[in-house]
N, C-alpha and C. Protein backbone atom coordinates (compact mmCIF):
# COMPACT_ATOMS: atom_id res chain seq x y z
N MET A 1 0.76 27.67 22.84
CA MET A 1 2.07 27.45 22.68
C MET A 1 2.83 27.92 21.28
N ASN A 2 1.67 28.07 20.37
CA ASN A 2 2.03 28.96 19.15
C ASN A 2 2.70 30.36 19.40
N ALA A 3 2.34 31.05 19.85
CA ALA A 3 2.04 32.31 21.11
C ALA A 3 3.56 32.47 21.67
N ALA A 4 3.79 31.43 22.48
CA ALA A 4 4.72 31.57 23.28
C ALA A 4 6.16 31.11 22.16
N VAL A 5 6.23 30.72 20.98
CA VAL A 5 7.23 29.96 20.13
C VAL A 5 7.60 31.11 19.25
N LEU A 6 6.47 31.24 18.52
CA LEU A 6 6.64 31.99 17.18
C LEU A 6 5.28 32.47 16.73
N PRO A 7 4.36 33.37 16.56
CA PRO A 7 3.24 33.31 16.44
C PRO A 7 2.56 33.01 15.05
N GLU A 8 3.99 33.41 13.80
CA GLU A 8 3.45 33.34 12.64
C GLU A 8 4.53 32.50 12.16
N PRO A 9 4.80 31.92 11.18
CA PRO A 9 3.85 31.17 11.16
C PRO A 9 3.60 29.97 12.13
N ALA A 10 2.35 29.05 12.12
CA ALA A 10 2.40 28.24 13.01
C ALA A 10 3.59 27.19 13.84
N THR A 11 3.90 26.93 14.76
CA THR A 11 4.64 25.69 14.73
C THR A 11 4.12 24.57 14.85
N PHE A 12 3.51 24.73 15.76
CA PHE A 12 2.37 23.88 16.35
C PHE A 12 1.18 23.67 15.66
N GLY A 13 0.67 22.29 15.25
CA GLY A 13 -1.04 21.63 14.83
C GLY A 13 -1.24 20.68 15.04
N ALA A 14 -2.67 19.91 15.04
CA ALA A 14 -3.08 18.89 15.28
C ALA A 14 -3.01 18.37 13.51
N TYR A 15 -2.59 16.90 13.85
CA TYR A 15 -2.78 16.07 13.02
C TYR A 15 -3.17 15.02 13.07
N SER A 16 -4.04 14.40 12.81
CA SER A 16 -5.21 12.91 13.40
C SER A 16 -4.15 12.03 12.61
N CYS A 17 -4.64 10.74 13.49
CA CYS A 17 -4.05 9.61 12.54
C CYS A 17 -4.92 9.53 11.43
N GLU A 18 -6.12 9.31 11.45
CA GLU A 18 -6.98 9.35 9.73
C GLU A 18 -6.08 10.33 9.08
N LYS A 19 -5.71 11.31 8.98
CA LYS A 19 -5.11 12.50 8.19
C LYS A 19 -3.87 11.49 7.57
N LEU A 20 -2.95 11.26 9.05
CA LEU A 20 -1.92 11.17 8.93
C LEU A 20 -2.07 9.64 7.60
N PHE A 21 -2.72 8.76 7.70
CA PHE A 21 -2.54 7.24 6.92
C PHE A 21 -3.39 8.01 5.47
N LEU A 22 -4.46 8.64 5.53
CA LEU A 22 -5.07 9.40 4.10
C LEU A 22 -3.76 9.35 3.33
N ASP A 23 -3.02 10.63 4.08
CA ASP A 23 -2.28 11.47 3.54
C ASP A 23 -0.63 10.18 2.92
N VAL A 24 -0.37 9.46 3.88
CA VAL A 24 0.54 7.88 3.17
C VAL A 24 -0.06 7.41 2.70
N TYR A 25 -1.29 7.42 2.13
CA TYR A 25 -1.72 5.96 1.18
C TYR A 25 -1.64 6.95 0.11
N GLN A 26 -1.92 8.50 -0.14
CA GLN A 26 -1.94 8.94 -0.95
C GLN A 26 -1.44 9.34 -2.21
N HIS A 27 0.12 9.35 -0.89
CA HIS A 27 1.58 9.24 -1.85
C HIS A 27 1.75 7.87 -2.28
N PHE A 28 1.67 7.07 -1.87
CA PHE A 28 1.56 5.56 -2.03
C PHE A 28 0.79 5.65 -3.81
N LEU A 29 -0.27 6.17 -3.48
CA LEU A 29 -1.09 5.78 -4.72
C LEU A 29 -0.23 6.98 -5.90
N ASP A 30 0.47 7.82 -5.25
CA ASP A 30 0.77 9.03 -6.15
C ASP A 30 2.16 8.55 -7.11
N THR A 31 2.97 7.82 -6.44
CA THR A 31 4.45 7.22 -6.42
C THR A 31 4.68 5.37 -7.05
N MET A 32 3.72 5.11 -5.85
CA MET A 32 4.31 3.16 -6.54
C MET A 32 3.02 2.61 -7.54
N CYS A 33 1.92 3.50 -7.20
CA CYS A 33 0.93 2.68 -8.65
C CYS A 33 0.30 3.43 -9.67
N VAL A 34 1.84 4.17 -9.80
CA VAL A 34 1.76 4.65 -11.29
C VAL A 34 2.58 4.02 -12.55
N GLU A 35 2.76 4.83 -13.69
CA GLU A 35 3.67 3.63 -14.66
C GLU A 35 4.79 4.57 -14.62
N PRO A 36 6.03 4.63 -14.60
CA PRO A 36 7.12 3.14 -14.26
C PRO A 36 7.01 2.54 -12.95
N ALA A 37 6.68 3.12 -12.30
CA ALA A 37 6.58 2.30 -10.71
C ALA A 37 5.87 1.03 -10.55
N LEU A 38 5.10 0.95 -11.35
CA LEU A 38 4.18 -0.44 -11.08
C LEU A 38 4.63 -1.49 -12.12
N THR A 39 5.64 -1.20 -12.76
CA THR A 39 5.78 -2.45 -13.87
C THR A 39 7.53 -2.64 -13.36
N GLN A 40 8.03 -1.78 -12.56
CA GLN A 40 9.53 -2.38 -11.89
C GLN A 40 8.93 -2.87 -10.80
N TRP A 41 7.97 -2.52 -10.02
CA TRP A 41 7.45 -3.11 -8.81
C TRP A 41 7.21 -4.98 -9.55
N VAL A 42 6.30 -5.17 -10.36
CA VAL A 42 6.65 -6.09 -10.88
C VAL A 42 7.16 -6.87 -10.94
N ASP A 43 8.35 -6.28 -11.81
CA ASP A 43 9.48 -7.12 -12.32
C ASP A 43 10.03 -7.15 -11.06
N ARG A 44 10.11 -6.20 -10.07
CA ARG A 44 11.13 -7.04 -8.96
C ARG A 44 10.37 -7.75 -7.75
N LEU A 45 9.18 -7.95 -8.33
CA LEU A 45 8.19 -9.13 -7.53
C LEU A 45 8.75 -10.71 -8.17
N ASP A 46 8.76 -10.43 -9.53
CA ASP A 46 8.93 -11.46 -10.53
C ASP A 46 8.32 -13.05 -9.99
N VAL A 47 7.86 -13.23 -9.04
CA VAL A 47 7.35 -14.52 -8.48
C VAL A 47 8.40 -15.08 -7.95
N ARG A 48 9.67 -14.56 -7.39
CA ARG A 48 10.75 -14.80 -6.89
C ARG A 48 10.61 -15.95 -5.99
N ARG A 49 9.65 -16.08 -4.80
CA ARG A 49 9.76 -17.55 -4.52
C ARG A 49 9.23 -18.66 -5.33
N ALA A 50 8.31 -18.45 -5.89
CA ALA A 50 8.05 -19.60 -7.23
C ALA A 50 9.35 -19.84 -8.27
N THR A 51 10.34 -18.66 -8.38
CA THR A 51 10.87 -19.24 -9.05
C THR A 51 12.58 -20.08 -8.59
N GLN A 52 12.68 -19.35 -7.55
CA GLN A 52 13.47 -20.19 -6.73
C GLN A 52 13.66 -21.30 -6.42
N TRP A 53 12.23 -21.69 -5.61
CA TRP A 53 11.83 -23.13 -5.23
C TRP A 53 11.87 -24.10 -6.25
N ARG A 54 11.41 -23.62 -7.78
CA ARG A 54 11.61 -24.66 -9.01
C ARG A 54 13.28 -24.69 -9.41
N ALA A 55 14.17 -23.43 -9.45
CA ALA A 55 15.18 -23.41 -9.61
C ALA A 55 16.08 -24.30 -8.36
N GLU A 56 15.49 -24.61 -6.94
CA GLU A 56 15.98 -25.55 -6.22
C GLU A 56 16.07 -26.81 -6.94
N ARG A 57 14.93 -26.96 -7.62
CA ARG A 57 14.48 -28.45 -7.78
C ARG A 57 14.56 -29.14 -9.10
N GLY A 58 15.41 -27.80 -9.81
CA GLY A 58 15.90 -28.16 -11.51
C GLY A 58 14.89 -28.38 -12.32
N VAL A 59 13.60 -27.62 -11.88
CA VAL A 59 12.17 -27.54 -12.90
C VAL A 59 12.55 -26.37 -13.71
N GLY A 60 12.36 -25.72 -14.91
CA GLY A 60 12.21 -24.61 -15.08
C GLY A 60 10.94 -24.48 -15.15
N ARG A 61 10.72 -23.11 -15.67
CA ARG A 61 9.13 -22.38 -16.08
C ARG A 61 8.96 -22.18 -17.22
N TRP A 62 7.97 -22.28 -18.02
CA TRP A 62 7.69 -21.91 -19.14
C TRP A 62 7.22 -20.23 -19.34
N LYS A 63 7.44 -19.79 -20.30
CA LYS A 63 7.45 -18.38 -20.49
C LYS A 63 5.88 -17.52 -20.16
N HIS A 64 4.60 -18.63 -20.69
CA HIS A 64 3.41 -18.39 -20.48
C HIS A 64 3.28 -18.69 -18.76
N GLU A 65 4.14 -19.06 -17.97
CA GLU A 65 4.05 -19.14 -16.48
C GLU A 65 4.65 -18.02 -16.01
N ILE A 66 4.89 -18.02 -16.53
CA ILE A 66 6.28 -16.26 -16.21
C ILE A 66 5.04 -15.16 -15.76
N GLU A 67 4.72 -15.21 -17.41
CA GLU A 67 3.29 -14.18 -17.75
C GLU A 67 2.32 -14.04 -17.08
N ALA A 68 2.09 -15.17 -17.07
CA ALA A 68 0.75 -15.49 -15.91
C ALA A 68 0.76 -15.04 -14.48
N ASP A 69 2.25 -15.28 -13.73
CA ASP A 69 2.20 -15.27 -12.78
C ASP A 69 2.54 -13.08 -12.42
N ARG A 70 3.08 -12.90 -13.21
CA ARG A 70 2.97 -11.40 -13.40
C ARG A 70 1.80 -10.34 -13.86
N GLY A 71 1.21 -11.00 -14.65
CA GLY A 71 -0.43 -10.63 -14.90
C GLY A 71 -1.00 -10.89 -13.54
N ALA A 72 -0.77 -12.03 -12.72
CA ALA A 72 -1.55 -12.24 -11.05
C ALA A 72 -1.05 -11.29 -10.65
N ALA A 73 0.17 -10.54 -10.34
CA ALA A 73 0.69 -9.61 -9.34
C ALA A 73 0.37 -8.26 -9.75
N ARG A 74 0.34 -7.86 -10.69
CA ARG A 74 -0.08 -6.67 -11.37
C ARG A 74 -1.56 -6.70 -11.01
N ARG A 75 -2.56 -7.30 -11.22
CA ARG A 75 -3.85 -7.57 -10.51
C ARG A 75 -3.80 -7.11 -9.07
N TYR A 76 -3.20 -7.97 -8.58
CA TYR A 76 -2.90 -7.97 -6.91
C TYR A 76 -2.61 -6.34 -6.70
N LEU A 77 -1.38 -5.90 -7.47
CA LEU A 77 -1.14 -4.16 -6.89
C LEU A 77 -2.07 -3.36 -7.55
N GLU A 78 -2.93 -4.02 -8.46
CA GLU A 78 -3.76 -2.63 -9.10
C GLU A 78 -5.02 -2.61 -8.54
N ASP A 79 -5.39 -4.00 -7.50
CA ASP A 79 -6.62 -3.89 -6.68
C ASP A 79 -6.28 -3.20 -5.81
N HIS A 80 -6.64 -1.27 -5.91
CA HIS A 80 -6.56 -0.37 -4.71
C HIS A 80 -7.40 -0.55 -3.57
N GLU A 81 -8.68 -1.26 -4.29
CA GLU A 81 -9.56 -1.20 -2.85
C GLU A 81 -9.43 -1.95 -1.96
N ALA A 82 -8.62 -3.35 -2.21
CA ALA A 82 -8.33 -4.03 -1.19
C ALA A 82 -7.39 -4.01 -0.94
N ARG A 83 -6.04 -3.50 -1.05
CA ARG A 83 -5.13 -3.12 -0.63
C ARG A 83 -5.20 -1.65 0.10
N PHE A 84 -5.88 -0.91 0.16
CA PHE A 84 -6.34 0.37 0.97
C PHE A 84 -6.90 -0.77 2.19
N GLU A 85 -7.91 -1.51 2.38
CA GLU A 85 -8.37 -2.20 3.06
C GLU A 85 -7.87 -3.05 4.06
N GLU A 86 -6.37 -3.70 3.32
CA GLU A 86 -5.22 -4.25 4.07
C GLU A 86 -4.15 -3.73 4.47
N PHE A 87 -4.20 -2.07 3.85
CA PHE A 87 -3.76 -1.21 4.60
C PHE A 87 -4.01 -0.79 5.96
N ARG A 88 -5.17 -0.27 5.69
CA ARG A 88 -5.93 0.20 6.74
C ARG A 88 -5.80 -0.77 8.06
N ARG A 89 -6.27 -1.79 7.82
CA ARG A 89 -6.39 -2.90 9.11
C ARG A 89 -5.20 -3.23 9.62
N ARG A 90 -3.88 -3.27 8.63
CA ARG A 90 -2.68 -3.23 9.52
C ARG A 90 -2.32 -1.66 10.37
N PHE A 91 -2.48 -0.70 9.49
CA PHE A 91 -1.81 0.37 9.86
C PHE A 91 -3.15 1.03 11.36
N PHE A 92 -4.37 0.33 11.45
CA PHE A 92 -5.19 0.86 12.98
C PHE A 92 -5.08 -0.74 13.94
N MET A 93 -4.28 -1.65 13.33
CA MET A 93 -4.28 -3.14 14.19
C MET A 93 -5.18 -3.30 14.25
N ILE A 94 -6.45 -3.58 14.09
CA ILE A 94 -7.96 -4.21 13.65
C ILE A 94 -7.16 -5.17 13.88
N ASP A 95 -6.93 -6.27 14.01
CA ASP A 95 -6.57 -7.77 14.06
C ASP A 95 -6.54 -7.86 15.55
N LEU A 96 -5.63 -6.60 16.45
CA LEU A 96 -5.37 -6.55 17.93
C LEU A 96 -6.72 -6.22 18.52
N PHE A 97 -6.87 -5.05 17.76
CA PHE A 97 -8.37 -4.14 18.68
C PHE A 97 -9.34 -4.15 17.88
N ARG A 98 -10.31 -4.78 17.68
CA ARG A 98 -11.17 -5.39 17.02
C ARG A 98 -12.24 -3.64 16.73
N GLU A 99 -12.52 -2.97 18.04
CA GLU A 99 -13.29 -1.69 18.06
C GLU A 99 -12.42 -1.17 17.16
N ASN A 100 -11.53 -0.60 16.58
CA ASN A 100 -10.90 0.03 15.60
C ASN A 100 -11.48 -0.11 14.05
N ASP A 101 -11.64 -1.19 13.98
CA ASP A 101 -13.01 -1.40 12.61
C ASP A 101 -13.54 -0.25 12.68
N ALA A 102 -14.39 -0.12 13.49
CA ALA A 102 -15.86 1.16 13.64
C ALA A 102 -15.46 2.52 13.57
N ARG A 103 -14.18 2.11 14.79
CA ARG A 103 -13.38 4.13 15.02
C ARG A 103 -12.43 4.62 13.96
N PHE A 104 -11.99 4.00 13.30
CA PHE A 104 -11.36 4.17 11.98
C PHE A 104 -12.08 3.55 10.58
N ASN A 105 -13.14 3.99 10.45
CA ASN A 105 -13.79 3.36 9.29
C ASN A 105 -13.82 4.16 8.20
N LEU A 106 -12.23 4.57 7.58
CA LEU A 106 -12.20 5.31 6.43
C LEU A 106 -12.35 4.33 5.19
N THR A 107 -12.41 4.93 3.83
CA THR A 107 -12.77 4.54 2.37
C THR A 107 -11.63 4.83 1.34
N LEU A 108 -11.70 4.23 0.64
CA LEU A 108 -10.94 4.89 -0.32
C LEU A 108 -11.06 5.99 -1.66
N THR A 109 -12.87 6.30 -1.12
CA THR A 109 -13.25 6.86 -2.32
C THR A 109 -12.76 8.62 -1.60
N PRO A 110 -12.81 8.84 -1.02
CA PRO A 110 -12.22 10.70 -0.31
C PRO A 110 -10.91 10.70 -1.06
N ILE A 111 -9.99 9.37 -0.77
CA ILE A 111 -8.71 9.61 -1.32
C ILE A 111 -8.34 10.27 -2.81
N GLU A 112 -9.47 9.18 -3.79
CA GLU A 112 -9.10 9.46 -5.48
C GLU A 112 -10.19 10.74 -6.21
N ALA A 113 -11.17 11.26 -4.95
CA ALA A 113 -11.89 12.30 -5.21
C ALA A 113 -11.31 13.47 -5.90
């Protein structure tokens, strides 16, 4: 097909779903898992559901509770191995197609290397 369109540069090429996933996840690490993006992400989360639930009931939150929740949110976001596995399972629909777990057995190691 490349020869029919234009020999150089190549117009068409192969791009596997594994490569797509790894490229997208690398971009996620490079943009969302670095400062100041990580702090902004935690600030946006700010455990809104818990805050909203308490506000609706007239219950305030102590500063140490808010800081503890923010710390937990940051630890959750910084757990790259767990997030990688979570995203891999969703991207390759492993819950619906269990055979994809073995078929797309990717790890975080090659990305950070």
